[in-house]
Amino acid sequence: MFSDEQREEIEQYLKRVEGRVYLGCDSQSFKRFNLKSQRYERWARYAVVLVIHINNSQGCKIFSYRETERVYDRQANKPQLRLMTEVYKTVEAYLALADLLEHREVEIHLDVNPSDVHASSVVVKQAVGYVKGVTNLDALIKPDAWAGSTTADFVVRKKLA
């Protein structure tokens, strides 16, 4: 969740600029050894981003945060729970900032791919439906979901923010 300081900074920034707002999340999975169970467990580092397009033509400002959580998907190559956690975190960020965003154009970008070749295709309908049901916004998916698939990817890999 965005910290109180970040929320204040976002609020002050939104007062100074016009422009669209984009929210997205990406994750990076990894294994961590549990000394107690003597087994490897799957974990994920999540990065949630809020991108403010400055006056719709003058670049952007990125706010972000990272969280690390245990992943409970049974198979690493079928990451439904991890992907839906990305969706939940994006929606949670939107809801936490909704009062600041109510008079803005907001897009929610999901890092899921509709192509059957990709593992994320199994959650596309569920993810888009969840966003619509909770926020009443139409979520964008790949290839149009750059905030989730590109910006958040840079943050989760610590190349940005």
Foldseek 3Di string as FASTA:
>chain_A
DDDPVRLVVVLVVLVVFAAEKEKFKDKDKDWDADPVVRDIFIKIKMKIWIWGCGNVPDGIDIDIDIDMGTQDDPDPQQRPVVQVVRLVVRLVVCVVCVVSPVPHHYAYEGAADCDPVHNRVVCPVVSQVVCCVRPVHGYHYPPVRCCHNPVNVCVNVPVDD
